[in-house]
Amino acid sequence: MFQLEEKIWFWALCVIPAIIIIYLVLQLWKRHTQKKFADKALLKRLSPNRSVFKSVLKLVIICLAFAALAIALVNPKVGTKLETVK
């Protein structure tokens, strides 16, 4: 038997695509602003150890955290049978 107590909290999963869209827009803005500031060779000299992997990993962890929070708020219950307790 599988039961979901608060199904309304599944709407909280809509936050995840919003986070991804905001991340992509900010990355595009950041790239555009950096191109206006300096050329590619100078940017590599200014910040040589910039990691793309870390920012993507941060995004994935935040999305997983929101998904776990939404699933916890739904409060799924798993059992073999229902019992009525007086």
N, C-alpha and C. Protein backbone atom coordinates (compact mmCIF):
# COMPACT_ATOMS: atom_id res chain seq x y z
N MET A 1 0.84 -1.19 0.00
CA MET A 1 0.00 0.00 0.00
C MET A 1 0.88 1.24 0.00
N PHE A 2 0.56 2.15 -0.85
CA PHE A 2 1.32 3.39 -0.97
C PHE A 2 0.34 4.55 -0.87
N GLN A 3 0.59 5.46 0.06
CA GLN A 3 -0.34 6.56 0.29
C GLN A 3 0.43 7.88 0.38
N LEU A 4 -0.11 8.91 -0.26
CA LEU A 4 0.48 10.25 -0.19
C LEU A 4 -0.44 11.12 0.65
N GLU A 5 0.11 11.73 1.69
CA GLU A 5 -0.72 12.47 2.62
C GLU A 5 -1.08 13.87 2.12
N GLU A 6 -0.11 14.64 1.68
CA GLU A 6 -0.32 16.03 1.25
C GLU A 6 0.10 16.18 -0.21
N LYS A 7 -0.79 15.87 -1.13
CA LYS A 7 -0.46 15.90 -2.56
C LYS A 7 -0.25 17.31 -3.09
N ILE A 8 -0.72 18.30 -2.39
CA ILE A 8 -0.60 19.69 -2.84
C ILE A 8 0.85 20.12 -2.92
N TRP A 9 1.72 19.51 -2.13
CA TRP A 9 3.13 19.90 -2.10
C TRP A 9 3.90 19.46 -3.33
N PHE A 10 3.28 18.66 -4.22
CA PHE A 10 3.94 18.32 -5.47
C PHE A 10 4.16 19.58 -6.31
N TRP A 11 3.38 20.63 -6.07
CA TRP A 11 3.56 21.89 -6.78
C TRP A 11 4.91 22.52 -6.43
N ALA A 12 5.48 22.16 -5.30
CA ALA A 12 6.79 22.70 -4.93
C ALA A 12 7.88 22.22 -5.89
N LEU A 13 7.62 21.15 -6.63
CA LEU A 13 8.59 20.67 -7.61
C LEU A 13 8.72 21.62 -8.80
N CYS A 14 7.76 22.53 -8.95
CA CYS A 14 7.84 23.52 -10.03
C CYS A 14 8.94 24.55 -9.78
N VAL A 15 9.47 24.58 -8.58
CA VAL A 15 10.56 25.49 -8.26
C VAL A 15 11.83 25.07 -8.99
N ILE A 16 12.00 23.77 -9.23
CA ILE A 16 13.23 23.26 -9.84
C ILE A 16 13.44 23.81 -11.25
N PRO A 17 12.45 23.76 -12.15
CA PRO A 17 12.69 24.37 -13.47
C PRO A 17 12.94 25.88 -13.39
N ALA A 18 12.31 26.54 -12.43
CA ALA A 18 12.55 27.97 -12.26
C ALA A 18 13.99 28.24 -11.85
N ILE A 19 14.53 27.41 -10.97
CA ILE A 19 15.93 27.55 -10.55
C ILE A 19 16.86 27.34 -11.74
N ILE A 20 16.57 26.34 -12.57
CA ILE A 20 17.41 26.05 -13.73
C ILE A 20 17.36 27.20 -14.73
N ILE A 21 16.17 27.75 -14.96
CA ILE A 21 16.03 28.88 -15.90
C ILE A 21 16.79 30.10 -15.39
N ILE A 22 16.66 30.39 -14.09
CA ILE A 22 17.38 31.52 -13.51
C ILE A 22 18.89 31.31 -13.63
N TYR A 23 19.35 30.09 -13.39
CA TYR A 23 20.78 29.78 -13.52
C TYR A 23 21.27 30.02 -14.95
N LEU A 24 20.50 29.54 -15.93
CA LEU A 24 20.91 29.71 -17.33
C LEU A 24 20.93 31.18 -17.74
N VAL A 25 19.92 31.93 -17.31
CA VAL A 25 19.87 33.37 -17.63
C VAL A 25 21.06 34.09 -17.00
N LEU A 26 21.38 33.75 -15.76
CA LEU A 26 22.52 34.39 -15.11
C LEU A 26 23.84 34.02 -15.77
N GLN A 27 23.96 32.79 -16.24
CA GLN A 27 25.19 32.39 -16.94
C GLN A 27 25.34 33.16 -18.26
N LEU A 28 24.24 33.32 -18.99
CA LEU A 28 24.29 34.09 -20.24
C LEU A 28 24.63 35.56 -19.97
N TRP A 29 24.03 36.12 -18.94
CA TRP A 29 24.32 37.51 -18.58
C TRP A 29 25.78 37.67 -18.17
N LYS A 30 26.27 36.71 -17.40
CA LYS A 30 27.66 36.75 -16.94
C LYS A 30 28.63 36.68 -18.12
N ARG A 31 28.36 35.79 -19.06
CA ARG A 31 29.22 35.66 -20.23
C ARG A 31 29.20 36.94 -21.07
N HIS A 32 28.01 37.50 -21.25
CA HIS A 32 27.87 38.74 -22.03
C HIS A 32 28.62 39.89 -21.36
N THR A 33 28.50 40.00 -20.05
CA THR A 33 29.17 41.06 -19.31
C THR A 33 30.69 40.89 -19.36
N GLN A 34 31.15 39.66 -19.27
CA GLN A 34 32.60 39.42 -19.34
C GLN A 34 33.15 39.74 -20.72
N LYS A 35 32.38 39.46 -21.77
CA LYS A 35 32.83 39.81 -23.12
C LYS A 35 32.92 41.31 -23.30
N LYS A 36 32.01 42.05 -22.67
CA LYS A 36 32.07 43.50 -22.75
C LYS A 36 33.26 44.05 -21.95
N PHE A 37 33.62 43.36 -20.89
CA PHE A 37 34.70 43.83 -20.02
C PHE A 37 36.08 43.62 -20.64
N ALA A 38 36.32 42.40 -21.15
CA ALA A 38 37.65 42.09 -21.69
C ALA A 38 37.54 40.95 -22.69
N ASP A 39 38.63 40.74 -23.45
CA ASP A 39 38.63 39.64 -24.40
C ASP A 39 38.92 38.31 -23.68
N LYS A 40 38.82 37.22 -24.43
CA LYS A 40 38.91 35.88 -23.85
C LYS A 40 40.28 35.60 -23.22
N ALA A 41 41.34 36.01 -23.88
CA ALA A 41 42.69 35.75 -23.35
C ALA A 41 42.93 36.49 -22.04
N LEU A 42 42.45 37.72 -21.96
CA LEU A 42 42.63 38.49 -20.73
C LEU A 42 41.81 37.89 -19.59
N LEU A 43 40.60 37.42 -19.89
CA LEU A 43 39.78 36.80 -18.85
C LEU A 43 40.43 35.54 -18.30
N LYS A 44 41.10 34.78 -19.16
CA LYS A 44 41.79 33.58 -18.68
C LYS A 44 42.98 33.96 -17.79
N ARG A 45 43.61 35.09 -18.08
CA ARG A 45 44.70 35.54 -17.22
C ARG A 45 44.18 36.08 -15.90
N LEU A 46 43.01 36.71 -15.91
CA LEU A 46 42.45 37.28 -14.69
C LEU A 46 41.91 36.21 -13.75
N SER A 47 41.27 35.19 -14.30
CA SER A 47 40.73 34.10 -13.47
C SER A 47 41.08 32.76 -14.11
N PRO A 48 42.30 32.28 -13.90
CA PRO A 48 42.74 31.06 -14.60
C PRO A 48 42.11 29.78 -14.08
N ASN A 49 41.71 29.75 -12.83
CA ASN A 49 41.23 28.51 -12.22
C ASN A 49 39.71 28.47 -12.09
N ARG A 50 39.01 29.13 -12.96
CA ARG A 50 37.54 29.14 -12.89
C ARG A 50 37.00 27.79 -13.32
N SER A 51 36.15 27.21 -12.49
CA SER A 51 35.62 25.87 -12.75
C SER A 51 34.14 25.94 -13.10
N VAL A 52 33.78 25.36 -14.24
CA VAL A 52 32.37 25.28 -14.63
C VAL A 52 31.70 24.13 -13.88
N PHE A 53 32.47 23.08 -13.62
CA PHE A 53 31.93 21.90 -12.95
C PHE A 53 31.36 22.24 -11.57
N LYS A 54 32.04 23.10 -10.83
CA LYS A 54 31.58 23.43 -9.48
C LYS A 54 30.25 24.17 -9.50
N SER A 55 30.06 25.06 -10.45
CA SER A 55 28.79 25.79 -10.51
C SER A 55 27.64 24.87 -10.93
N VAL A 56 27.92 23.93 -11.84
CA VAL A 56 26.89 22.97 -12.26
C VAL A 56 26.58 22.02 -11.11
N LEU A 57 27.62 21.59 -10.38
CA LEU A 57 27.41 20.71 -9.23
C LEU A 57 26.56 21.40 -8.17
N LYS A 58 26.82 22.67 -7.95
CA LYS A 58 26.03 23.45 -6.99
C LYS A 58 24.56 23.50 -7.41
N LEU A 59 24.32 23.71 -8.70
CA LEU A 59 22.95 23.74 -9.22
C LEU A 59 22.26 22.39 -9.02
N VAL A 60 22.96 21.31 -9.31
CA VAL A 60 22.38 19.97 -9.16
C VAL A 60 22.05 19.69 -7.69
N ILE A 61 22.94 20.06 -6.79
CA ILE A 61 22.69 19.82 -5.36
C ILE A 61 21.51 20.64 -4.86
N ILE A 62 21.39 21.88 -5.30
CA ILE A 62 20.25 22.71 -4.90
C ILE A 62 18.95 22.12 -5.42
N CYS A 63 18.94 21.66 -6.68
CA CYS A 63 17.73 21.06 -7.25
C CYS A 63 17.36 19.78 -6.52
N LEU A 64 18.35 18.96 -6.19
CA LEU A 64 18.08 17.73 -5.43
C LEU A 64 17.55 18.05 -4.04
N ALA A 65 18.05 19.10 -3.43
CA ALA A 65 17.57 19.50 -2.10
C ALA A 65 16.10 19.93 -2.16
N PHE A 66 15.74 20.71 -3.19
CA PHE A 66 14.34 21.12 -3.33
C PHE A 66 13.44 19.92 -3.62
N ALA A 67 13.93 18.97 -4.41
CA ALA A 67 13.13 17.78 -4.70
C ALA A 67 12.93 16.95 -3.44
N ALA A 68 13.98 16.80 -2.64
CA ALA A 68 13.86 16.04 -1.39
C ALA A 68 12.92 16.74 -0.42
N LEU A 69 13.00 18.05 -0.37
CA LEU A 69 12.10 18.81 0.51
C LEU A 69 10.65 18.65 0.08
N ALA A 70 10.39 18.73 -1.23
CA ALA A 70 9.02 18.58 -1.73
C ALA A 70 8.49 17.18 -1.44
N ILE A 71 9.32 16.17 -1.65
CA ILE A 71 8.87 14.80 -1.38
C ILE A 71 8.64 14.59 0.11
N ALA A 72 9.46 15.20 0.95
CA ALA A 72 9.26 15.09 2.39
C ALA A 72 7.96 15.78 2.81
N LEU A 73 7.63 16.91 2.18
CA LEU A 73 6.39 17.61 2.52
C LEU A 73 5.15 16.85 2.05
N VAL A 74 5.29 16.06 0.99
CA VAL A 74 4.17 15.23 0.51
C VAL A 74 3.87 14.14 1.53
N ASN A 75 4.87 13.71 2.27
CA ASN A 75 4.75 12.70 3.32
C ASN A 75 4.22 11.37 2.78
N PRO A 76 5.01 10.70 1.93
CA PRO A 76 4.57 9.39 1.43
C PRO A 76 4.62 8.34 2.53
N LYS A 77 3.65 7.46 2.50
CA LYS A 77 3.58 6.38 3.49
C LYS A 77 3.48 5.06 2.75
N VAL A 78 4.33 4.13 3.15
CA VAL A 78 4.37 2.82 2.53
C VAL A 78 4.10 1.78 3.61
N GLY A 79 3.21 0.85 3.30
CA GLY A 79 2.90 -0.22 4.24
C GLY A 79 2.28 -1.39 3.51
N THR A 80 2.08 -2.50 4.23
CA THR A 80 1.51 -3.68 3.60
C THR A 80 -0.01 -3.67 3.66
N LYS A 81 -0.57 -3.16 4.75
CA LYS A 81 -2.03 -3.11 4.87
C LYS A 81 -2.43 -1.97 5.79
N LEU A 82 -3.67 -1.56 5.68
CA LEU A 82 -4.20 -0.50 6.53
C LEU A 82 -4.84 -1.11 7.76
N GLU A 83 -4.58 -0.50 8.91
CA GLU A 83 -5.21 -0.93 10.15
C GLU A 83 -5.90 0.26 10.79
N THR A 84 -7.09 0.04 11.29
CA THR A 84 -7.81 1.08 12.00
C THR A 84 -7.57 0.89 13.49
N VAL A 85 -7.06 1.92 14.14
CA VAL A 85 -6.73 1.85 15.56
C VAL A 85 -7.75 2.70 16.30
N LYS A 86 -8.32 2.11 17.36
CA LYS A 86 -9.30 2.85 18.16
C LYS A 86 -8.63 3.58 19.29
